[in-house]
Structures are given as C-alpha cells and as structure tokens.
Amino acid sequence: LYGDLLENKEPPMSILYLFTRHINILLQMKE
C-alpha cells in the first residue's frame, strides 16, 4: 500500500503526515 501511494506521486512526507493524523484520530476515538 505504501508503494501504491508512491506510484501515485504522493510525497513521502505527506504520507507521514497522513499517517500521523490518522493515529491522532484513533487516539481521540479511544478517549
């Protein structure tokens, strides 16, 4: 899936940002 994002020209740092945003959503969900 990570490779697919790179093939779609998604910048690596954007992927990292989205990953971080998603983790924060999961933490808020738990809380």
All heavy atoms as atom14 arrays in JSON, in Angstrom:
{
  "sequence": "LYGDLLENKEPPMSILYLFTRHINILLQMKE",
  "atom14_mask": [
    [1, 1, 1, 1, 1, 1, 1, 1, 0, 0, 0, 0, 0, 0],
    [1, 1, 1, 1, 1, 1, 1, 1, 1, 1, 1, 1, 0, 0],
    [1, 1, 1, 1, 0, 0, 0, 0, 0, 0, 0, 0, 0, 0],
    [1, 1, 1, 1, 1, 1, 1, 1, 0, 0, 0, 0, 0, 0],
    [1, 1, 1, 1, 1, 1, 1, 1, 0, 0, 0, 0, 0, 0],
    [1, 1, 1, 1, 1, 1, 1, 1, 0, 0, 0, 0, 0, 0],
    [1, 1, 1, 1, 1, 1, 1, 1, 1, 0, 0, 0, 0, 0],
    [1, 1, 1, 1, 1, 1, 1, 1, 0, 0, 0, 0, 0, 0],
    [1, 1, 1, 1, 1, 1, 1, 1, 1, 0, 0, 0, 0, 0],
    [1, 1, 1, 1, 1, 1, 1, 1, 1, 0, 0, 0, 0, 0],
    [1, 1, 1, 1, 1, 1, 1, 0, 0, 0, 0, 0, 0, 0],
    [1, 1, 1, 1, 1, 1, 1, 0, 0, 0, 0, 0, 0, 0],
    [1, 1, 1, 1, 1, 1, 1, 1, 0, 0, 0, 0, 0, 0],
    [1, 1, 1, 1, 1, 1, 0, 0, 0, 0, 0, 0, 0, 0],
    [1, 1, 1, 1, 1, 1, 1, 1, 0, 0, 0, 0, 0, 0],
    [1, 1, 1, 1, 1, 1, 1, 1, 0, 0, 0, 0, 0, 0],
    [1, 1, 1, 1, 1, 1, 1, 1, 1, 1, 1, 1, 0, 0],
    [1, 1, 1, 1, 1, 1, 1, 1, 0, 0, 0, 0, 0, 0],
    [1, 1, 1, 1, 1, 1, 1, 1, 1, 1, 1, 0, 0, 0],
    [1, 1, 1, 1, 1, 1, 1, 0, 0, 0, 0, 0, 0, 0],
    [1, 1, 1, 1, 1, 1, 1, 1, 1, 1, 1, 0, 0, 0],
    [1, 1, 1, 1, 1, 1, 1, 1, 1, 1, 0, 0, 0, 0],
    [1, 1, 1, 1, 1, 1, 1, 1, 0, 0, 0, 0, 0, 0],
    [1, 1, 1, 1, 1, 1, 1, 1, 0, 0, 0, 0, 0, 0],
    [1, 1, 1, 1, 1, 1, 1, 1, 0, 0, 0, 0, 0, 0],
    [1, 1, 1, 1, 1, 1, 1, 1, 0, 0, 0, 0, 0, 0],
    [1, 1, 1, 1, 1, 1, 1, 1, 0, 0, 0, 0, 0, 0],
    [1, 1, 1, 1, 1, 1, 1, 1, 1, 0, 0, 0, 0, 0],
    [1, 1, 1, 1, 1, 1, 1, 1, 0, 0, 0, 0, 0, 0],
    [1, 1, 1, 1, 1, 1, 1, 1, 1, 0, 0, 0, 0, 0],
    [1, 1, 1, 1, 1, 1, 1, 1, 1, 0, 0, 0, 0, 0]
  ],
  "atom14_positions": [
    [[0.83, -1.2, 0.0], [0.0, 0.0, 0.0], [0.87, 1.26, 0.0], [0.55, 2.25, -0.66], [-0.93, 0.0, 1.22], [-2.09, -1.01, 1.15], [-2.7, -1.22, 2.53], [-3.15, -0.55, 0.16], [0.0, 0.0, 0.0], [0.0, 0.0, 0.0], [0.0, 0.0, 0.0], [0.0, 0.0, 0.0], [0.0, 0.0, 0.0], [0.0, 0.0, 0.0]],
    [[1.96, 1.21, 0.73], [2.9, 2.33, 0.74], [3.48, 2.53, -0.67], [3.57, 3.66, -1.17], [4.02, 2.06, 1.75], [5.15, 3.07, 1.68], [4.94, 4.4, 2.01], [6.43, 2.67, 1.29], [5.98, 5.31, 1.96], [7.47, 3.58, 1.23], [7.24, 4.9, 1.56], [8.26, 5.8, 1.5], [0.0, 0.0, 0.0], [0.0, 0.0, 0.0]],
    [[3.83, 1.43, -1.32], [4.34, 1.5, -2.69], [3.32, 2.08, -3.65], [3.65, 2.86, -4.55], [0.0, 0.0, 0.0], [0.0, 0.0, 0.0], [0.0, 0.0, 0.0], [0.0, 0.0, 0.0], [0.0, 0.0, 0.0], [0.0, 0.0, 0.0], [0.0, 0.0, 0.0], [0.0, 0.0, 0.0], [0.0, 0.0, 0.0], [0.0, 0.0, 0.0]],
    [[2.04, 1.73, -3.44], [0.97, 2.27, -4.29], [0.89, 3.79, -4.15], [0.7, 4.51, -5.15], [-0.38, 1.66, -3.91], [-0.49, 0.18, -4.27], [0.34, -0.29, -5.08], [-1.4, -0.49, -3.74], [0.0, 0.0, 0.0], [0.0, 0.0, 0.0], [0.0, 0.0, 0.0], [0.0, 0.0, 0.0], [0.0, 0.0, 0.0], [0.0, 0.0, 0.0]],
    [[1.04, 4.28, -2.93], [0.99, 5.73, -2.71], [2.15, 6.43, -3.4], [1.98, 7.51, -3.99], [1.02, 6.03, -1.2], [-0.27, 5.72, -0.44], [-0.04, 5.78, 1.06], [-1.37, 6.7, -0.82], [0.0, 0.0, 0.0], [0.0, 0.0, 0.0], [0.0, 0.0, 0.0], [0.0, 0.0, 0.0], [0.0, 0.0, 0.0], [0.0, 0.0, 0.0]],
    [[3.33, 5.82, -3.36], [4.49, 6.41, -4.04], [4.27, 6.42, -5.55], [4.62, 7.39, -6.23], [5.76, 5.63, -3.69], [6.27, 5.75, -2.25], [7.51, 4.88, -2.07], [6.58, 7.2, -1.88], [0.0, 0.0, 0.0], [0.0, 0.0, 0.0], [0.0, 0.0, 0.0], [0.0, 0.0, 0.0], [0.0, 0.0, 0.0], [0.0, 0.0, 0.0]],
    [[3.69, 5.34, -6.08], [3.41, 5.28, -7.52], [2.42, 6.35, -7.94], [2.46, 6.85, -9.06], [2.87, 3.89, -7.9], [3.93, 2.81, -7.94], [3.37, 1.48, -8.44], [2.27, 1.49, -9.05], [4.02, 0.45, -8.23], [0.0, 0.0, 0.0], [0.0, 0.0, 0.0], [0.0, 0.0, 0.0], [0.0, 0.0, 0.0], [0.0, 0.0, 0.0]],
    [[1.53, 6.72, -7.02], [0.55, 7.77, -7.3], [1.12, 9.16, -7.06], [0.37, 10.15, -7.01], [-0.7, 7.58, -6.42], [-1.5, 6.37, -6.83], [-1.42, 5.9, -7.96], [-2.29, 5.84, -5.91], [0.0, 0.0, 0.0], [0.0, 0.0, 0.0], [0.0, 0.0, 0.0], [0.0, 0.0, 0.0], [0.0, 0.0, 0.0], [0.0, 0.0, 0.0]],
    [[2.45, 9.23, -6.9], [3.16, 10.5, -6.74], [2.84, 11.21, -5.43], [2.95, 12.44, -5.33], [2.87, 11.45, -7.92], [3.08, 10.85, -9.3], [4.51, 10.41, -9.52], [4.7, 9.83, -10.92], [6.07, 9.31, -11.14], [0.0, 0.0, 0.0], [0.0, 0.0, 0.0], [0.0, 0.0, 0.0], [0.0, 0.0, 0.0], [0.0, 0.0, 0.0]],
    [[2.45, 10.45, -4.42], [2.2, 11.05, -3.11], [3.56, 11.27, -2.43], [4.33, 10.34, -2.26], [1.34, 10.12, -2.26], [0.75, 10.76, -1.03], [-0.35, 11.75, -1.35], [-1.08, 11.54, -2.33], [-0.47, 12.75, -0.61], [0.0, 0.0, 0.0], [0.0, 0.0, 0.0], [0.0, 0.0, 0.0], [0.0, 0.0, 0.0], [0.0, 0.0, 0.0]],
    [[3.89, 12.52, -2.05], [5.19, 12.79, -1.42], [5.34, 12.01, -0.11], [4.37, 11.91, 0.66], [5.14, 14.3, -1.15], [4.13, 14.84, -2.09], [3.1, 13.74, -2.23], [0.0, 0.0, 0.0], [0.0, 0.0, 0.0], [0.0, 0.0, 0.0], [0.0, 0.0, 0.0], [0.0, 0.0, 0.0], [0.0, 0.0, 0.0], [0.0, 0.0, 0.0]],
    [[6.52, 11.46, 0.15], [6.72, 10.67, 1.38], [6.33, 11.41, 2.65], [5.7, 10.84, 3.54], [8.23, 10.35, 1.34], [8.55, 10.32, -0.11], [7.72, 11.4, -0.71], [0.0, 0.0, 0.0], [0.0, 0.0, 0.0], [0.0, 0.0, 0.0], [0.0, 0.0, 0.0], [0.0, 0.0, 0.0], [0.0, 0.0, 0.0], [0.0, 0.0, 0.0]],
    [[6.68, 12.72, 2.74], [6.35, 13.46, 3.95], [4.83, 13.67, 4.09], [4.31, 13.77, 5.2], [7.08, 14.81, 3.97], [8.54, 14.71, 4.34], [8.8, 14.1, 6.04], [9.57, 12.51, 5.73], [0.0, 0.0, 0.0], [0.0, 0.0, 0.0], [0.0, 0.0, 0.0], [0.0, 0.0, 0.0], [0.0, 0.0, 0.0], [0.0, 0.0, 0.0]],
    [[4.13, 13.72, 2.97], [2.66, 13.81, 3.03], [2.08, 12.51, 3.57], [1.11, 12.52, 4.33], [2.08, 14.1, 1.64], [2.43, 15.38, 1.2], [0.0, 0.0, 0.0], [0.0, 0.0, 0.0], [0.0, 0.0, 0.0], [0.0, 0.0, 0.0], [0.0, 0.0, 0.0], [0.0, 0.0, 0.0], [0.0, 0.0, 0.0], [0.0, 0.0, 0.0]],
    [[2.67, 11.39, 3.16], [2.24, 10.09, 3.66], [2.44, 10.03, 5.17], [1.57, 9.59, 5.92], [3.01, 8.95, 2.97], [2.71, 8.94, 1.46], [2.66, 7.6, 3.6], [3.56, 7.97, 0.67], [0.0, 0.0, 0.0], [0.0, 0.0, 0.0], [0.0, 0.0, 0.0], [0.0, 0.0, 0.0], [0.0, 0.0, 0.0], [0.0, 0.0, 0.0]],
    [[3.6, 10.51, 5.63], [3.9, 10.51, 7.06], [2.92, 11.41, 7.82], [2.45, 11.06, 8.9], [5.34, 10.98, 7.3], [5.9, 10.76, 8.71], [5.88, 9.29, 9.07], [7.31, 11.31, 8.81], [0.0, 0.0, 0.0], [0.0, 0.0, 0.0], [0.0, 0.0, 0.0], [0.0, 0.0, 0.0], [0.0, 0.0, 0.0], [0.0, 0.0, 0.0]],
    [[2.6, 12.55, 7.22], [1.63, 13.46, 7.85], [0.26, 12.79, 7.98], [-0.38, 12.85, 9.03], [1.5, 14.75, 7.04], [0.27, 15.55, 7.39], [0.23, 16.32, 8.55], [-0.87, 15.5, 6.58], [-0.91, 17.03, 8.91], [-2.02, 16.21, 6.93], [-2.03, 16.98, 8.08], [-3.17, 17.67, 8.43], [0.0, 0.0, 0.0], [0.0, 0.0, 0.0]],
    [[-0.19, 12.14, 6.9], [-1.5, 11.48, 6.93], [-1.52, 10.33, 7.95], [-2.52, 10.1, 8.62], [-1.85, 10.95, 5.53], [-2.18, 12.01, 4.48], [-2.29, 11.37, 3.1], [-3.48, 12.73, 4.82], [0.0, 0.0, 0.0], [0.0, 0.0, 0.0], [0.0, 0.0, 0.0], [0.0, 0.0, 0.0], [0.0, 0.0, 0.0], [0.0, 0.0, 0.0]],
    [[-0.4, 9.62, 8.02], [-0.29, 8.53, 8.99], [-0.42, 9.08, 10.41], [-1.15, 8.54, 11.25], [1.07, 7.83, 8.81], [1.04, 6.36, 9.16], [1.12, 5.4, 8.17], [0.95, 5.95, 10.48], [1.1, 4.04, 8.49], [0.93, 4.61, 10.81], [1.01, 3.65, 9.81], [0.0, 0.0, 0.0], [0.0, 0.0, 0.0], [0.0, 0.0, 0.0]],
    [[0.29, 10.19, 10.66], [0.25, 10.82, 11.98], [-1.16, 11.32, 12.31], [-1.66, 11.13, 13.43], [1.22, 12.01, 12.03], [2.53, 11.57, 11.66], [1.27, 12.63, 13.42], [0.0, 0.0, 0.0], [0.0, 0.0, 0.0], [0.0, 0.0, 0.0], [0.0, 0.0, 0.0], [0.0, 0.0, 0.0], [0.0, 0.0, 0.0], [0.0, 0.0, 0.0]],
    [[-1.79, 11.96, 11.34], [-3.17, 12.45, 11.53], [-4.1, 11.3, 11.88], [-4.96, 11.42, 12.77], [-3.65, 13.15, 10.25], [-5.1, 13.61, 10.28], [-5.48, 14.25, 8.96], [-6.89, 14.62, 8.93], [-7.88, 13.79, 8.59], [-7.59, 12.54, 8.24], [-9.13, 14.19, 8.59], [0.0, 0.0, 0.0], [0.0, 0.0, 0.0], [0.0, 0.0, 0.0]],
    [[-3.92, 10.17, 11.2], [-4.78, 9.02, 11.42], [-4.57, 8.45, 12.82], [-5.54, 8.07, 13.5], [-4.49, 7.95, 10.36], [-5.56, 6.92, 10.25], [-6.45, 6.87, 9.21], [-5.9, 5.88, 11.06], [-7.28, 5.85, 9.37], [-6.96, 5.23, 10.49], [0.0, 0.0, 0.0], [0.0, 0.0, 0.0], [0.0, 0.0, 0.0], [0.0, 0.0, 0.0]],
    [[-3.32, 8.38, 13.26], [-3.05, 7.88, 14.61], [-3.72, 8.78, 15.65], [-4.29, 8.29, 16.64], [-1.53, 7.81, 14.86], [-0.89, 6.75, 13.94], [-1.23, 7.49, 16.32], [0.61, 6.76, 13.95], [0.0, 0.0, 0.0], [0.0, 0.0, 0.0], [0.0, 0.0, 0.0], [0.0, 0.0, 0.0], [0.0, 0.0, 0.0], [0.0, 0.0, 0.0]],
    [[-3.65, 10.09, 15.43], [-4.3, 11.02, 16.36], [-5.82, 10.83, 16.38], [-6.45, 10.96, 17.44], [-3.96, 12.47, 15.99], [-2.57, 12.87, 16.48], [-2.19, 12.56, 17.6], [-1.81, 13.54, 15.63], [0.0, 0.0, 0.0], [0.0, 0.0, 0.0], [0.0, 0.0, 0.0], [0.0, 0.0, 0.0], [0.0, 0.0, 0.0], [0.0, 0.0, 0.0]],
    [[-6.4, 10.51, 15.23], [-7.83, 10.24, 15.18], [-8.15, 9.01, 16.03], [-9.12, 8.99, 16.79], [-8.3, 10.03, 13.72], [-8.31, 11.36, 12.97], [-9.69, 9.39, 13.68], [-8.65, 11.23, 11.49], [0.0, 0.0, 0.0], [0.0, 0.0, 0.0], [0.0, 0.0, 0.0], [0.0, 0.0, 0.0], [0.0, 0.0, 0.0], [0.0, 0.0, 0.0]],
    [[-7.33, 7.96, 15.9], [-7.57, 6.74, 16.67], [-7.44, 6.99, 18.17], [-8.23, 6.45, 18.97], [-6.59, 5.65, 16.23], [-6.7, 5.17, 14.78], [-5.73, 4.02, 14.52], [-8.13, 4.75, 14.43], [0.0, 0.0, 0.0], [0.0, 0.0, 0.0], [0.0, 0.0, 0.0], [0.0, 0.0, 0.0], [0.0, 0.0, 0.0], [0.0, 0.0, 0.0]],
    [[-6.48, 7.81, 18.56], [-6.33, 8.15, 19.98], [-7.56, 8.91, 20.49], [-8.05, 8.65, 21.6], [-5.06, 8.97, 20.2], [-3.75, 8.18, 20.17], [-2.55, 9.12, 20.09], [-3.64, 7.29, 21.43], [0.0, 0.0, 0.0], [0.0, 0.0, 0.0], [0.0, 0.0, 0.0], [0.0, 0.0, 0.0], [0.0, 0.0, 0.0], [0.0, 0.0, 0.0]],
    [[-8.04, 9.85, 19.68], [-9.25, 10.59, 20.08], [-10.47, 9.68, 20.14], [-11.33, 9.84, 21.01], [-9.5, 11.73, 19.09], [-8.48, 12.86, 19.17], [-8.77, 13.94, 18.15], [-9.65, 14.78, 18.34], [-8.03, 13.92, 17.05], [0.0, 0.0, 0.0], [0.0, 0.0, 0.0], [0.0, 0.0, 0.0], [0.0, 0.0, 0.0], [0.0, 0.0, 0.0]],
    [[-10.53, 8.73, 19.2], [-11.63, 7.76, 19.21], [-11.66, 7.01, 20.54], [-12.72, 6.84, 21.15], [-11.48, 6.76, 18.07], [-11.94, 7.24, 16.71], [-13.72, 7.49, 16.55], [-14.38, 6.0, 17.26], [0.0, 0.0, 0.0], [0.0, 0.0, 0.0], [0.0, 0.0, 0.0], [0.0, 0.0, 0.0], [0.0, 0.0, 0.0], [0.0, 0.0, 0.0]],
    [[-10.5, 6.55, 20.97], [-10.43, 5.81, 22.22], [-10.89, 6.67, 23.4], [-11.65, 6.22, 24.25], [-8.99, 5.32, 22.45], [-8.6, 4.1, 21.63], [-7.21, 3.63, 21.99], [-6.91, 2.26, 21.41], [-7.76, 1.18, 21.99], [0.0, 0.0, 0.0], [0.0, 0.0, 0.0], [0.0, 0.0, 0.0], [0.0, 0.0, 0.0], [0.0, 0.0, 0.0]],
    [[-10.39, 7.89, 23.43], [-10.71, 8.78, 24.54], [-12.2, 9.14, 24.57], [-12.85, 9.05, 25.62], [-9.87, 10.06, 24.41], [-10.13, 11.07, 25.52], [-9.3, 12.34, 25.35], [-8.29, 12.29, 24.62], [-9.68, 13.37, 25.95], [0.0, 0.0, 0.0], [0.0, 0.0, 0.0], [0.0, 0.0, 0.0], [0.0, 0.0, 0.0], [0.0, 0.0, 0.0]]
  ]
}
